[in-house]
Amino acid sequence: MPKVLVTQPSVSGPDDPRLAALREAGWEVTHEPTGAFATPEVLLELVQGHDAVIASSEPYTRAVIEGADTLKHIARWGVGFDQVDVPAATELGVLVTTTQGANDWGVADHAFALMFGLARRVVENDRLVRGGGWARPAGRDIWRKTLGIVGLGRIGRGVAQRASGFEMEVVACGPYPDRAFCEKWGVQLVSMDDLLRRSDFITLHTPGGGENTHLIGREQLALMKPTAYIVNTARGSLIDEDALFEALSAGSIGGAGLDVREKEPPGDTRFSGFDNVIVTAHLAGVTVETNAAMSAMACESILQGARGEKPHGLLNPEAWGRRRQ
C-alpha cells in the first residue's frame, strides 16, 4: 500500500474528507501537522517510508530528499516552492508540483483586505471600541488612489481587476507582463522606482528567494511616499524586515500589511507595537473554498503521477524520465 504524508495543518486528520480520493485509491494517509514547522532533520524522520507528501512550507533540502529514498512526489499545498530544492529533486527523480490556480482569488482578496484594514484603521479602531472607547480616527481613501503591483502573474492580475472597481490608477512592474491584459484593464507598466514613488498602496506578488531576496530594502522604502502603505502576501524574504522596522519607527511610510514573514512563525513581535501595521499568519490563500480546491488538486497530482501521467502543476518535467520507482 503506498503511503502519503500530509503536513498541512488545516487538514483535520487522515480521515479528512478532502483526502478521500487518496484513501479510495488505496493510499495510506499519515497526517502530521507539526511537520509544517519542522527542521530538515525532523522532517527527514517524518517522511521516511512515504511515497509522497502533501507539503506545507517545511524545508525539502537536498539532504531530506536524498535521505528519504522512498519519496517520489512532493505535492505543495499552495503555489510557493522556495522551500523545496527543485534542482536536487530533479536530479534525484522526485516530482515537485504546486496547486497552480487553486488559491489565486483568495490571495488577491486578502491583499485588498489588508489595504482596506490599513487605510481605514479597522484593527486599531476595533481595539479602541472593544476597550470602551468611541474615538473616530480618520482613515484614508482607496477610491481613485494609485495602486502599485509588483508582479503581474495570476494573483497580481486579480488584484488589478479588483482595483478597477475602485477606479484606482494601477501601475505595475514585472519581468513578463501580459500586455494585452494591461491594455484591457488600464494597467501602466513602469519601472520599480517609478512605482515606489507614485503609489499610495504597494502590493507584492512575485516569487521570493534568489535575486528577489530583500527586493524591498532601505533604498526602496526611502522612495515611498510618507503616506504610502506596503502589503506583502507573497513571500517574507521579499522585504528586509530590519529596514521596514526602521522606516515604520521613523514614520517615513504610512504602514504595512504583512501576511508573510522572513521566518515563520516569526521569532519576534517587533511589529506588534505599531497601530499602522496589520499582521496575519500566512493565510492569504486560505479560505474554505481555496482549501478545497488546493486539496483536490494536490491529491489528483499525486494520483496522476502514480498512474504514470504527468501531473498538473509539475515544476520539474525534467525529472519525469528519471523519476524514482
Protein backbone atom coordinates (compact mmCIF):
# COMPACT_ATOMS: atom_id res chain seq x y z
CA MET A 1 0.00 0.00 0.00
CA PRO A 2 1.52 3.38 -0.98
CA LYS A 3 1.82 5.96 1.78
CA VAL A 4 1.38 9.73 1.71
CA LEU A 5 2.42 12.17 4.46
CA VAL A 6 0.24 15.26 4.88
CA THR A 7 1.79 18.15 6.82
CA GLN A 8 -0.86 20.77 6.07
CA PRO A 9 -2.17 21.99 9.49
CA SER A 10 -5.63 22.88 8.18
CA VAL A 11 -6.32 19.21 7.40
CA SER A 12 -8.34 17.69 10.25
CA GLY A 13 -6.59 14.31 10.16
CA PRO A 14 -6.02 11.23 7.99
CA ASP A 15 -9.78 10.79 7.60
CA ASP A 16 -10.35 14.36 6.39
CA PRO A 17 -12.99 14.12 3.63
CA ARG A 18 -10.80 16.24 1.35
CA LEU A 19 -8.30 13.38 1.23
CA ALA A 20 -10.92 10.78 0.28
CA ALA A 21 -9.61 10.42 -3.28
CA LEU A 22 -6.28 9.12 -1.97
CA ARG A 23 -7.86 6.71 0.50
CA GLU A 24 -10.26 5.40 -2.13
CA ALA A 25 -7.30 4.76 -4.42
CA GLY A 26 -5.69 2.58 -1.73
CA TRP A 27 -3.24 5.06 -0.21
CA GLU A 28 -2.42 5.06 3.49
CA VAL A 29 -2.58 8.64 4.81
CA THR A 30 -0.39 9.95 7.64
CA HIS A 31 -1.22 13.40 9.00
CA GLU A 32 1.50 15.22 10.93
CA PRO A 33 0.69 18.96 11.19
CA THR A 34 3.82 19.71 13.23
CA GLY A 35 5.76 18.82 10.08
CA ALA A 36 4.81 22.20 8.61
CA PHE A 37 7.27 23.80 11.05
CA ALA A 38 9.86 21.02 11.18
CA THR A 39 13.59 21.41 10.78
CA PRO A 40 15.19 19.42 7.96
CA GLU A 41 16.41 16.85 10.49
CA VAL A 42 12.96 16.28 11.97
CA LEU A 43 11.31 16.36 8.54
CA LEU A 44 13.63 13.62 7.31
CA GLU A 45 12.38 11.35 10.10
CA LEU A 46 8.74 12.18 9.39
CA VAL A 47 8.92 11.49 5.66
CA GLN A 48 10.71 8.14 5.94
CA GLY A 49 8.76 5.32 4.33
CA HIS A 50 6.35 7.59 2.46
CA ASP A 51 5.93 7.59 -1.30
CA ALA A 52 4.54 11.13 -1.49
CA VAL A 53 3.94 14.15 0.66
CA ILE A 54 1.30 16.87 0.55
CA ALA A 55 3.58 19.59 1.81
CA SER A 56 3.04 22.83 3.67
CA SER A 57 6.02 25.21 3.98
CA GLU A 58 8.59 22.87 5.54
CA PRO A 59 12.12 22.69 4.04
CA TYR A 60 12.76 19.96 1.47
CA THR A 61 16.52 20.32 1.27
CA ARG A 62 18.84 18.12 -0.75
CA ALA A 63 19.66 16.18 2.42
CA VAL A 64 15.97 15.48 3.09
CA ILE A 65 15.28 14.41 -0.50
CA GLU A 66 18.38 12.19 -0.61
CA GLY A 67 17.67 10.64 2.78
CA ALA A 68 14.01 9.92 2.10
CA ASP A 69 14.77 7.34 -0.56
CA THR A 70 11.15 6.16 -0.93
CA LEU A 71 9.89 9.67 -1.68
CA LYS A 72 8.70 10.08 -5.26
CA HIS A 73 6.49 13.16 -5.22
CA ILE A 74 6.42 16.43 -3.27
CA ALA A 75 2.99 18.00 -3.83
CA ARG A 76 2.86 21.52 -2.41
CA TRP A 77 -0.47 22.60 -0.92
CA GLY A 78 -0.13 26.09 -2.40
CA VAL A 79 1.83 27.80 -5.15
CA GLY A 80 5.12 28.73 -3.47
CA PHE A 81 8.06 26.39 -3.77
CA ASP A 82 11.01 28.33 -2.33
CA GLN A 83 11.28 25.76 0.48
CA VAL A 84 11.87 22.95 -1.99
CA ASP A 85 15.28 22.35 -3.56
CA VAL A 86 13.82 21.79 -7.00
CA PRO A 87 17.18 21.21 -8.76
CA ALA A 88 18.03 18.49 -6.20
CA ALA A 89 14.60 16.92 -6.60
CA THR A 90 15.02 16.92 -10.38
CA GLU A 91 18.45 15.32 -10.16
CA LEU A 92 17.13 12.64 -7.78
CA GLY A 93 13.99 11.92 -9.79
CA VAL A 94 11.43 13.34 -7.36
CA LEU A 95 8.43 15.11 -8.87
CA VAL A 96 7.53 18.55 -7.46
CA THR A 97 4.08 20.00 -8.06
CA THR A 98 2.13 23.02 -6.84
CA THR A 99 -1.58 23.76 -6.87
CA GLN A 100 -1.33 26.43 -9.52
CA GLY A 101 -4.57 28.35 -9.98
CA ALA A 102 -6.24 26.96 -6.86
CA ASN A 103 -5.97 29.95 -4.50
CA ASP A 104 -5.27 33.00 -6.67
CA TRP A 105 -8.58 34.66 -5.87
CA GLY A 106 -8.12 34.21 -2.12
CA VAL A 107 -4.71 35.88 -2.10
CA ALA A 108 -5.95 38.77 -4.25
CA ASP A 109 -8.91 39.25 -1.90
CA HIS A 110 -6.64 39.23 1.16
CA ALA A 111 -4.30 41.81 -0.35
CA PHE A 112 -7.28 44.12 -0.64
CA ALA A 113 -8.44 43.21 2.88
CA LEU A 114 -5.08 44.35 4.24
CA MET A 115 -5.19 47.55 2.18
CA PHE A 116 -8.66 48.38 3.47
CA GLY A 117 -7.72 47.47 7.03
CA LEU A 118 -4.73 49.78 6.91
CA ALA A 119 -6.37 52.67 5.09
CA ARG A 120 -9.47 52.72 7.28
CA ARG A 121 -7.60 51.82 10.50
CA VAL A 122 -10.01 48.93 11.11
CA VAL A 123 -7.91 46.90 13.56
CA GLU A 124 -6.85 49.97 15.51
CA ASN A 125 -10.44 51.20 15.88
CA ASP A 126 -11.69 47.72 16.76
CA ARG A 127 -9.28 47.65 19.71
CA LEU A 128 -10.37 51.13 20.80
CA VAL A 129 -14.06 50.26 20.75
CA ARG A 130 -13.56 46.90 22.47
CA GLY A 131 -11.70 48.81 25.20
CA GLY A 132 -14.73 51.02 25.83
CA GLY A 133 -13.68 53.97 23.70
CA TRP A 134 -15.54 55.68 20.90
CA ALA A 135 -12.77 57.59 19.11
CA ARG A 136 -13.15 58.11 15.39
CA PRO A 137 -9.64 58.35 13.89
CA ALA A 138 -9.67 59.50 10.28
CA GLY A 139 -8.60 56.93 7.74
CA ARG A 140 -7.63 57.33 4.10
CA ASP A 141 -9.50 56.62 0.89
CA ILE A 142 -8.73 53.80 -1.51
CA TRP A 143 -11.10 55.22 -4.11
CA ARG A 144 -9.14 56.65 -7.07
CA LYS A 145 -5.77 56.28 -5.38
CA THR A 146 -2.69 54.86 -7.11
CA LEU A 147 -2.00 51.17 -6.66
CA GLY A 148 1.42 49.70 -7.45
CA ILE A 149 1.53 45.97 -8.20
CA VAL A 150 4.91 44.24 -8.16
CA GLY A 151 4.43 41.06 -10.18
CA LEU A 152 1.67 40.54 -12.74
CA GLY A 153 1.10 36.81 -12.52
CA ARG A 154 -2.32 35.35 -11.83
CA ILE A 155 -2.59 36.97 -8.39
CA GLY A 156 -1.25 40.35 -9.48
CA ARG A 157 -3.69 40.41 -12.38
CA GLY A 158 -6.52 39.52 -9.99
CA VAL A 159 -5.59 42.48 -7.80
CA ALA A 160 -5.58 44.77 -10.85
CA GLN A 161 -9.07 43.59 -11.80
CA ARG A 162 -10.37 44.28 -8.30
CA ALA A 163 -8.76 47.74 -8.34
CA SER A 164 -10.78 48.71 -11.39
CA GLY A 165 -13.93 48.68 -9.28
CA PHE A 166 -12.43 51.40 -7.11
CA GLU A 167 -11.31 53.44 -10.10
CA MET A 168 -7.71 53.20 -8.94
CA GLU A 169 -4.83 54.20 -11.15
CA VAL A 170 -2.85 50.97 -11.46
CA VAL A 171 0.87 50.89 -12.16
CA ALA A 172 2.83 47.66 -12.28
CA CYS A 173 6.20 46.11 -12.94
CA GLY A 174 7.32 42.57 -13.60
CA PRO A 175 9.60 40.59 -15.89
CA TYR A 176 6.96 39.08 -18.21
CA PRO A 177 3.87 41.32 -18.26
CA ASP A 178 0.77 40.32 -20.19
CA ARG A 179 0.50 43.41 -22.37
CA ALA A 180 -2.93 42.51 -23.70
CA PHE A 181 -4.20 42.27 -20.12
CA CYS A 182 -2.59 45.60 -19.24
CA GLU A 183 -4.25 47.30 -22.18
CA LYS A 184 -7.66 45.83 -21.35
CA TRP A 185 -7.54 46.80 -17.67
CA GLY A 186 -5.66 50.09 -17.97
CA VAL A 187 -2.51 48.93 -16.19
CA GLN A 188 0.53 51.16 -16.76
CA LEU A 189 3.88 49.35 -16.94
CA VAL A 190 6.57 51.33 -15.14
CA SER A 191 9.96 50.82 -13.52
CA MET A 192 10.17 49.66 -9.92
CA ASP A 193 11.50 53.05 -8.78
CA ASP A 194 8.66 54.89 -10.52
CA LEU A 195 6.12 52.53 -8.98
CA LEU A 196 7.51 53.12 -5.50
CA ARG A 197 7.48 56.90 -5.92
CA ARG A 198 3.96 57.15 -7.33
CA SER A 199 1.94 54.58 -5.41
CA ASP A 200 -0.34 55.16 -2.45
CA PHE A 201 -0.58 51.39 -1.96
CA ILE A 202 2.06 48.85 -2.99
CA THR A 203 1.30 45.12 -3.09
CA LEU A 204 3.86 42.37 -3.74
CA HIS A 205 3.02 39.35 -5.88
CA THR A 206 6.33 37.97 -7.06
CA PRO A 207 8.32 34.85 -6.11
CA GLY A 208 10.71 35.00 -3.17
CA GLY A 209 14.30 33.87 -2.90
CA GLY A 210 17.22 34.31 -5.24
CA GLU A 211 17.58 37.77 -6.73
CA ASN A 212 14.25 38.78 -5.18
CA THR A 213 15.58 38.41 -1.64
CA HIS A 214 15.11 41.81 0.04
CA LEU A 215 13.64 43.23 -3.13
CA ILE A 216 12.28 45.92 -0.81
CA GLY A 217 15.07 47.32 1.35
CA ARG A 218 16.15 50.69 2.75
CA GLU A 219 16.71 52.23 -0.67
CA GLN A 220 13.29 51.18 -1.96
CA LEU A 221 11.43 52.16 1.21
CA ALA A 222 13.07 55.59 1.04
CA LEU A 223 11.40 56.16 -2.34
CA MET A 224 7.88 55.63 -0.99
CA LYS A 225 5.54 58.45 -0.06
CA PRO A 226 5.35 59.05 3.70
CA THR A 227 1.63 58.22 3.47
CA ALA A 228 2.04 55.06 1.36
CA TYR A 229 1.28 51.54 2.56
CA ILE A 230 3.06 48.34 1.55
CA VAL A 231 1.35 44.94 1.58
CA ASN A 232 3.07 41.57 1.30
CA THR A 233 1.02 38.42 0.71
CA ALA A 234 3.75 36.70 -1.34
CA ARG A 235 6.94 35.70 0.48
CA GLY A 236 8.55 37.15 3.59
CA SER A 237 12.00 37.24 2.03
CA LEU A 238 10.87 40.00 -0.35
CA ILE A 239 11.11 42.63 2.40
CA ASP A 240 14.14 43.43 4.53
CA GLU A 241 12.38 43.43 7.89
CA ASP A 242 15.12 45.44 9.63
CA ALA A 243 14.74 48.18 7.02
CA LEU A 244 10.95 48.04 7.30
CA PHE A 245 11.09 48.33 11.08
CA GLU A 246 13.35 51.37 10.76
CA ALA A 247 11.01 53.03 8.24
CA LEU A 248 7.98 52.43 10.43
CA SER A 249 9.78 53.66 13.53
CA ALA A 250 10.81 56.82 11.71
CA GLY A 251 7.30 57.34 10.33
CA SER A 252 8.67 57.56 6.81
CA ILE A 253 5.93 55.33 5.33
CA GLY A 254 2.23 55.09 6.09
CA GLY A 255 2.15 51.49 7.26
CA ALA A 256 2.41 47.83 6.29
CA GLY A 257 0.25 44.75 5.91
CA LEU A 258 2.26 41.55 6.41
CA ASP A 259 0.77 38.14 5.79
CA VAL A 260 4.23 36.59 5.41
CA ARG A 261 7.47 36.94 7.36
CA GLU A 262 11.13 36.22 6.75
CA LYS A 263 10.92 33.50 9.40
CA GLU A 264 7.68 31.64 10.00
CA PRO A 265 6.46 31.52 12.66
CA PRO A 266 8.37 34.74 13.38
CA GLY A 267 10.81 34.79 16.24
CA ASP A 268 9.97 38.35 17.20
CA THR A 269 6.94 40.55 17.79
CA ARG A 270 8.54 43.87 16.92
CA PHE A 271 5.78 44.90 14.50
CA SER A 272 3.04 44.33 17.08
CA GLY A 273 3.55 47.74 18.66
CA PHE A 274 2.59 49.67 15.53
CA ASP A 275 -1.05 50.67 15.05
CA ASN A 276 -0.31 51.16 11.34
CA VAL A 277 0.77 47.53 10.82
CA ILE A 278 -1.53 44.54 10.33
CA VAL A 279 -0.01 41.08 10.65
CA THR A 280 -1.67 37.81 9.66
CA ALA A 281 -0.36 34.25 9.76
CA HIS A 282 0.36 33.43 6.08
CA LEU A 283 -3.33 32.84 5.45
CA ALA A 284 -3.97 34.94 2.35
CA GLY A 285 -4.68 31.87 0.26
CA VAL A 286 -6.60 30.06 3.00
CA THR A 287 -10.36 30.07 2.67
CA VAL A 288 -12.87 27.24 2.81
CA GLU A 289 -13.11 27.37 -0.96
CA THR A 290 -9.38 27.60 -1.73
CA ASN A 291 -8.57 24.84 0.77
CA ALA A 292 -11.00 22.53 -1.00
CA ALA A 293 -9.52 23.41 -4.40
CA MET A 294 -5.90 23.02 -3.26
CA SER A 295 -6.61 19.70 -1.55
CA ALA A 296 -8.34 18.30 -4.62
CA MET A 297 -5.53 19.44 -6.90
CA ALA A 298 -2.74 18.11 -4.64
CA CYS A 299 -4.44 14.72 -4.29
CA GLU A 300 -5.09 14.46 -8.02
CA SER A 301 -1.49 15.37 -8.89
CA ILE A 302 -0.23 12.52 -6.70
CA LEU A 303 -2.67 10.09 -8.27
CA GLN A 304 -1.75 11.26 -11.76
CA GLY A 305 1.94 10.67 -11.08
CA ALA A 306 1.22 7.21 -9.63
CA ARG A 307 -0.79 6.32 -12.73
CA GLY A 308 2.12 7.26 -14.97
CA GLU A 309 0.57 10.55 -16.11
CA LYS A 310 2.42 13.85 -15.95
CA PRO A 311 0.65 15.66 -13.12
CA HIS A 312 -0.89 19.11 -13.15
CA GLY A 313 1.41 21.82 -11.80
CA LEU A 314 4.63 19.88 -12.44
CA LEU A 315 7.56 22.22 -11.81
CA ASN A 316 10.34 19.90 -12.92
CA PRO A 317 9.32 17.98 -16.04
CA GLU A 318 12.99 17.05 -16.45
CA ALA A 319 12.52 14.66 -13.53
CA TRP A 320 9.82 12.69 -15.32
CA GLY A 321 12.16 10.49 -17.34
CA ARG A 322 14.33 9.67 -14.33
CA ARG A 323 11.64 9.53 -11.65
CA ARG A 324 12.04 7.18 -8.73
CA GLN A 325 10.22 3.87 -8.99
